[in-house]
């Protein structure tokens, strides 16, 4: 190769992300389940998706949620992906509001194949995913042997712990 010959472009390597999807309010696409389907079509290259399940709300909302998990491939770093997911939420009709209130669409980066990530406004793995059965159950159906990069436990192990009955006082 002569000095004047340009180098070939560096290929961006796609990584895999686990994205949690939730909705408990009608939006421009209709019922919460339809909002999840529309979001799945908008997030990009979906390589696997869980069934949509119903779950009880956290916090003050009294509406049940439609939840799912999708594995997507993207060359974006987690911060860039978060910006895109927030745009999809806004386009679906999500507005800023109180924490855990009803919402048209909620998209969270739960895990990524790159391990742990921390930047202003984003921590991967998601800080609360280990306590949420509505995330761990669908996630375990897709990637039961993926490991939490912080605890080393598999998704199957985490799902088992969160689903285990708690003793009553």
C-alpha atoms as a PDB file:
ATOM      1  CA  UNK A   1       0.000   0.000   0.000  1.00  0.00           C
ATOM      2  CA  UNK A   2       1.498   3.334  -0.989  1.00  0.00           C
ATOM      3  CA  UNK A   3       1.484   6.276   1.440  1.00  0.00           C
ATOM      4  CA  UNK A   4      -1.150   8.040  -0.686  1.00  0.00           C
ATOM      5  CA  UNK A   5      -3.584   5.112  -0.529  1.00  0.00           C
ATOM      6  CA  UNK A   6      -6.270   5.791   2.076  1.00  0.00           C
ATOM      7  CA  UNK A   7      -6.862   3.207   4.762  1.00  0.00           C
ATOM      8  CA  UNK A   8     -10.138   1.313   4.627  1.00  0.00           C
ATOM      9  CA  UNK A   9     -12.761   2.571   7.081  1.00  0.00           C
ATOM     10  CA  UNK A  10     -12.837   0.888  10.452  1.00  0.00           C
ATOM     11  CA  UNK A  11     -15.954  -1.215  10.766  1.00  0.00           C
ATOM     12  CA  UNK A  12     -18.105  -0.433  13.758  1.00  0.00           C
ATOM     13  CA  UNK A  13     -18.740  -3.526  15.816  1.00  0.00           C
ATOM     14  CA  UNK A  14     -22.321  -4.116  16.876  1.00  0.00           C
ATOM     15  CA  UNK A  15     -22.932  -5.073  20.469  1.00  0.00           C
ATOM     16  CA  UNK A  16     -26.016  -6.654  21.967  1.00  0.00           C
ATOM     17  CA  UNK A  17     -28.281  -4.795  24.372  1.00  0.00           C
ATOM     18  CA  UNK A  18     -31.118  -6.058  26.533  1.00  0.00           C
ATOM     19  CA  UNK A  19     -33.869  -3.423  26.478  1.00  0.00           C
ATOM     20  CA  UNK A  20     -36.840  -3.500  28.857  1.00  0.00           C
ATOM     21  CA  UNK A  21     -40.070  -2.120  27.389  1.00  0.00           C
ATOM     22  CA  UNK A  22     -43.097  -1.069  29.417  1.00  0.00           C
ATOM     23  CA  UNK A  23     -46.378   0.750  28.872  1.00  0.00           C
ATOM     24  CA  UNK A  24     -49.505   1.257  30.947  1.00  0.00           C
ATOM     25  CA  UNK A  25     -51.290   4.023  29.092  1.00  0.00           C
ATOM     26  CA  UNK A  26     -52.840   4.315  25.644  1.00  0.00           C
ATOM     27  CA  UNK A  27     -50.787   6.262  23.163  1.00  0.00           C
ATOM     28  CA  UNK A  28     -50.829   7.108  19.500  1.00  0.00           C
ATOM     29  CA  UNK A  29     -50.556   3.408  18.611  1.00  0.00           C
ATOM     30  CA  UNK A  30     -53.386   2.338  20.899  1.00  0.00           C
ATOM     31  CA  UNK A  31     -53.408   0.069  23.945  1.00  0.00           C
ATOM     32  CA  UNK A  32     -50.177  -0.530  25.916  1.00  0.00           C
ATOM     33  CA  UNK A  33     -49.497  -3.813  24.099  1.00  0.00           C
ATOM     34  CA  UNK A  34     -49.617  -1.964  20.771  1.00  0.00           C
ATOM     35  CA  UNK A  35     -47.225   0.666  22.125  1.00  0.00           C
ATOM     36  CA  UNK A  36     -44.763  -2.138  22.933  1.00  0.00           C
ATOM     37  CA  UNK A  37     -45.091  -3.575  19.410  1.00  0.00           C
ATOM     38  CA  UNK A  38     -44.564  -0.114  17.866  1.00  0.00           C
ATOM     39  CA  UNK A  39     -41.493   0.443  20.049  1.00  0.00           C
ATOM     40  CA  UNK A  40     -40.063  -2.930  19.006  1.00  0.00           C
ATOM     41  CA  UNK A  41     -40.405  -1.800  15.382  1.00  0.00           C
ATOM     42  CA  UNK A  42     -38.659   1.504  16.178  1.00  0.00           C
ATOM     43  CA  UNK A  43     -35.655   0.374  18.246  1.00  0.00           C
ATOM     44  CA  UNK A  44     -33.643  -1.071  15.393  1.00  0.00           C
ATOM     45  CA  UNK A  45     -32.240  -4.518  14.826  1.00  0.00           C
ATOM     46  CA  UNK A  46     -34.203  -6.764  17.194  1.00  0.00           C
ATOM     47  CA  UNK A  47     -32.547 -10.189  17.344  1.00  0.00           C
ATOM     48  CA  UNK A  48     -34.906 -11.693  19.948  1.00  0.00           C
ATOM     49  CA  UNK A  49     -37.930 -10.610  21.927  1.00  0.00           C
ATOM     50  CA  UNK A  50     -39.883 -12.014  24.809  1.00  0.00           C
ATOM     51  CA  UNK A  51     -43.648 -12.345  24.864  1.00  0.00           C
ATOM     52  CA  UNK A  52     -45.491  -9.306  26.205  1.00  0.00           C
ATOM     53  CA  UNK A  53     -46.601  -9.930  29.788  1.00  0.00           C
ATOM     54  CA  UNK A  54     -48.868  -8.058  32.199  1.00  0.00           C
ATOM     55  CA  UNK A  55     -47.504  -6.916  35.539  1.00  0.00           C
ATOM     56  CA  UNK A  56     -48.614  -4.942  38.559  1.00  0.00           C
ATOM     57  CA  UNK A  57     -47.422  -1.331  38.702  1.00  0.00           C
ATOM     58  CA  UNK A  58     -44.676  -0.056  40.992  1.00  0.00           C
ATOM     59  CA  UNK A  59     -45.364   3.052  43.026  1.00  0.00           C
ATOM     60  CA  UNK A  60     -48.498   5.215  42.810  1.00  0.00           C
ATOM     61  CA  UNK A  61     -49.828   4.178  39.399  1.00  0.00           C
ATOM     62  CA  UNK A  62     -52.888   1.934  39.530  1.00  0.00           C
ATOM     63  CA  UNK A  63     -52.761   0.738  35.913  1.00  0.00           C
ATOM     64  CA  UNK A  64     -51.260  -2.638  35.044  1.00  0.00           C
ATOM     65  CA  UNK A  65     -48.263  -2.631  32.743  1.00  0.00           C
ATOM     66  CA  UNK A  66     -47.547  -4.421  29.510  1.00  0.00           C
ATOM     67  CA  UNK A  67     -43.872  -5.444  29.656  1.00  0.00           C
ATOM     68  CA  UNK A  68     -41.383  -7.157  27.373  1.00  0.00           C
ATOM     69  CA  UNK A  69     -37.649  -7.472  26.856  1.00  0.00           C
ATOM     70  CA  UNK A  70     -35.863  -7.298  23.521  1.00  0.00           C
ATOM     71  CA  UNK A  71     -32.307  -8.037  22.513  1.00  0.00           C
ATOM     72  CA  UNK A  72     -31.084  -5.572  19.934  1.00  0.00           C
ATOM     73  CA  UNK A  73     -27.816  -5.138  18.098  1.00  0.00           C
ATOM     74  CA  UNK A  74     -26.334  -1.689  17.704  1.00  0.00           C
ATOM     75  CA  UNK A  75     -22.948  -0.116  17.041  1.00  0.00           C
ATOM     76  CA  UNK A  76     -23.929   2.774  19.361  1.00  0.00           C
ATOM     77  CA  UNK A  77     -22.343   3.147  22.763  1.00  0.00           C
ATOM     78  CA  UNK A  78     -24.829   3.036  25.667  1.00  0.00           C
ATOM     79  CA  UNK A  79     -25.086   6.840  25.957  1.00  0.00           C
ATOM     80  CA  UNK A  80     -25.913   7.249  22.268  1.00  0.00           C
ATOM     81  CA  UNK A  81     -28.455   4.428  22.438  1.00  0.00           C
ATOM     82  CA  UNK A  82     -30.093   6.061  25.474  1.00  0.00           C
ATOM     83  CA  UNK A  83     -30.537   9.311  23.531  1.00  0.00           C
ATOM     84  CA  UNK A  84     -32.235   7.382  20.722  1.00  0.00           C
ATOM     85  CA  UNK A  85     -34.486   5.444  23.142  1.00  0.00           C
ATOM     86  CA  UNK A  86     -35.564   8.688  24.850  1.00  0.00           C
ATOM     87  CA  UNK A  87     -36.459  10.113  21.431  1.00  0.00           C
ATOM     88  CA  UNK A  88     -38.595   7.025  20.694  1.00  0.00           C
ATOM     89  CA  UNK A  89     -40.356   7.499  24.055  1.00  0.00           C
ATOM     90  CA  UNK A  90     -41.111  11.159  23.264  1.00  0.00           C
ATOM     91  CA  UNK A  91     -42.354  10.299  19.767  1.00  0.00           C
ATOM     92  CA  UNK A  92     -44.703   7.724  21.335  1.00  0.00           C
ATOM     93  CA  UNK A  93     -46.162  10.470  23.522  1.00  0.00           C
ATOM     94  CA  UNK A  94     -44.250  10.100  26.768  1.00  0.00           C
ATOM     95  CA  UNK A  95     -44.078  13.272  28.799  1.00  0.00           C
ATOM     96  CA  UNK A  96     -41.991  14.077  31.841  1.00  0.00           C
ATOM     97  CA  UNK A  97     -43.893  13.280  34.987  1.00  0.00           C
ATOM     98  CA  UNK A  98     -43.653  11.831  38.399  1.00  0.00           C
ATOM     99  CA  UNK A  99     -41.530   8.792  39.061  1.00  0.00           C
ATOM    100  CA  UNK A 100     -43.402   5.525  38.569  1.00  0.00           C
ATOM    101  CA  UNK A 101     -46.477   7.301  37.224  1.00  0.00           C
ATOM    102  CA  UNK A 102     -48.463   5.965  34.285  1.00  0.00           C
ATOM    103  CA  UNK A 103     -46.679   6.292  30.959  1.00  0.00           C
ATOM    104  CA  UNK A 104     -47.204   5.593  27.311  1.00  0.00           C
ATOM    105  CA  UNK A 105     -43.751   4.061  26.919  1.00  0.00           C
ATOM    106  CA  UNK A 106     -40.710   3.302  29.032  1.00  0.00           C
ATOM    107  CA  UNK A 107     -37.529   1.973  27.413  1.00  0.00           C
ATOM    108  CA  UNK A 108     -34.601   1.020  29.654  1.00  0.00           C
ATOM    109  CA  UNK A 109     -31.171  -0.346  28.829  1.00  0.00           C
ATOM    110  CA  UNK A 110     -30.881  -3.298  31.213  1.00  0.00           C
ATOM    111  CA  UNK A 111     -27.637  -4.962  30.086  1.00  0.00           C
ATOM    112  CA  UNK A 112     -25.220  -4.899  27.194  1.00  0.00           C
ATOM    113  CA  UNK A 113     -22.629  -7.331  25.935  1.00  0.00           C
ATOM    114  CA  UNK A 114     -19.876  -4.813  26.730  1.00  0.00           C
ATOM    115  CA  UNK A 115     -20.231  -5.318  30.498  1.00  0.00           C
ATOM    116  CA  UNK A 116     -20.710  -2.384  32.872  1.00  0.00           C
ATOM    117  CA  UNK A 117     -21.052   1.267  31.798  1.00  0.00           C
ATOM    118  CA  UNK A 118     -21.405   4.451  33.762  1.00  0.00           C
ATOM    119  CA  UNK A 119     -21.876   7.986  32.501  1.00  0.00           C
ATOM    120  CA  UNK A 120     -23.932  10.968  33.662  1.00  0.00           C
ATOM    121  CA  UNK A 121     -27.569   9.884  33.538  1.00  0.00           C
ATOM    122  CA  UNK A 122     -26.899   6.231  32.696  1.00  0.00           C
ATOM    123  CA  UNK A 123     -25.687   3.157  34.521  1.00  0.00           C
ATOM    124  CA  UNK A 124     -25.584  -0.275  32.885  1.00  0.00           C
ATOM    125  CA  UNK A 125     -26.578  -2.729  34.199  1.00  0.00           C
ATOM    126  CA  UNK A 126     -29.799  -0.976  35.169  1.00  0.00           C
ATOM    127  CA  UNK A 127     -29.634  -0.253  38.889  1.00  0.00           C
ATOM    128  CA  UNK A 128     -32.931  -1.985  39.787  1.00  0.00           C
ATOM    129  CA  UNK A 129     -33.186  -4.834  37.276  1.00  0.00           C
ATOM    130  CA  UNK A 130     -32.149  -7.484  39.836  1.00  0.00           C
ATOM    131  CA  UNK A 131     -35.345  -6.836  41.842  1.00  0.00           C
ATOM    132  CA  UNK A 132     -37.839  -6.722  38.977  1.00  0.00           C
ATOM    133  CA  UNK A 133     -39.515  -9.973  38.056  1.00  0.00           C
ATOM    134  CA  UNK A 134     -41.248  -8.314  35.101  1.00  0.00           C
ATOM    135  CA  UNK A 135     -37.766  -7.752  33.609  1.00  0.00           C
ATOM    136  CA  UNK A 136     -35.944 -10.866  34.818  1.00  0.00           C
ATOM    137  CA  UNK A 137     -38.640 -13.362  33.764  1.00  0.00           C
ATOM    138  CA  UNK A 138     -38.773 -12.216  30.128  1.00  0.00           C
ATOM    139  CA  UNK A 139     -34.986 -11.716  30.083  1.00  0.00           C
ATOM    140  CA  UNK A 140     -34.411 -15.256  31.393  1.00  0.00           C
ATOM    141  CA  UNK A 141     -36.569 -16.611  28.566  1.00  0.00           C
ATOM    142  CA  UNK A 142     -34.138 -15.042  26.084  1.00  0.00           C
ATOM    143  CA  UNK A 143     -30.668 -15.241  27.657  1.00  0.00           C
ATOM    144  CA  UNK A 144     -30.761 -17.386  30.821  1.00  0.00           C
ATOM    145  CA  UNK A 145     -26.980 -17.818  30.923  1.00  0.00           C
ATOM    146  CA  UNK A 146     -25.995 -14.160  30.456  1.00  0.00           C
ATOM    147  CA  UNK A 147     -24.190 -12.961  33.548  1.00  0.00           C
ATOM    148  CA  UNK A 148     -24.712  -9.788  35.500  1.00  0.00           C
ATOM    149  CA  UNK A 149     -21.283  -8.130  35.136  1.00  0.00           C
ATOM    150  CA  UNK A 150     -21.405  -6.846  38.720  1.00  0.00           C
ATOM    151  CA  UNK A 151     -22.570  -9.920  40.657  1.00  0.00           C
ATOM    152  CA  UNK A 152     -21.479 -12.693  38.291  1.00  0.00           C
ATOM    153  CA  UNK A 153     -24.881 -14.381  38.653  1.00  0.00           C
ATOM    154  CA  UNK A 154     -26.727 -15.641  35.610  1.00  0.00           C
ATOM    155  CA  UNK A 155     -30.058 -14.142  34.602  1.00  0.00           C
ATOM    156  CA  UNK A 156     -31.665 -17.489  35.472  1.00  0.00           C
ATOM    157  CA  UNK A 157     -30.211 -17.300  39.010  1.00  0.00           C
ATOM    158  CA  UNK A 158     -31.373 -13.702  39.465  1.00  0.00           C
ATOM    159  CA  UNK A 159     -34.865 -14.562  38.204  1.00  0.00           C
ATOM    160  CA  UNK A 160     -35.059 -17.507  40.598  1.00  0.00           C
ATOM    161  CA  UNK A 161     -34.140 -15.316  43.576  1.00  0.00           C
ATOM    162  CA  UNK A 162     -36.642 -12.571  42.726  1.00  0.00           C
ATOM    163  CA  UNK A 163     -39.470 -15.092  42.149  1.00  0.00           C
ATOM    164  CA  UNK A 164     -38.832 -17.013  45.348  1.00  0.00           C
ATOM    165  CA  UNK A 165     -41.563 -16.597  47.925  1.00  0.00           C
ATOM    166  CA  UNK A 166     -40.620 -14.353  50.816  1.00  0.00           C
ATOM    167  CA  UNK A 167     -41.337 -15.617  54.354  1.00  0.00           C
ATOM    168  CA  UNK A 168     -44.153 -13.772  56.101  1.00  0.00           C
ATOM    169  CA  UNK A 169     -43.527 -12.102  59.444  1.00  0.00           C
END
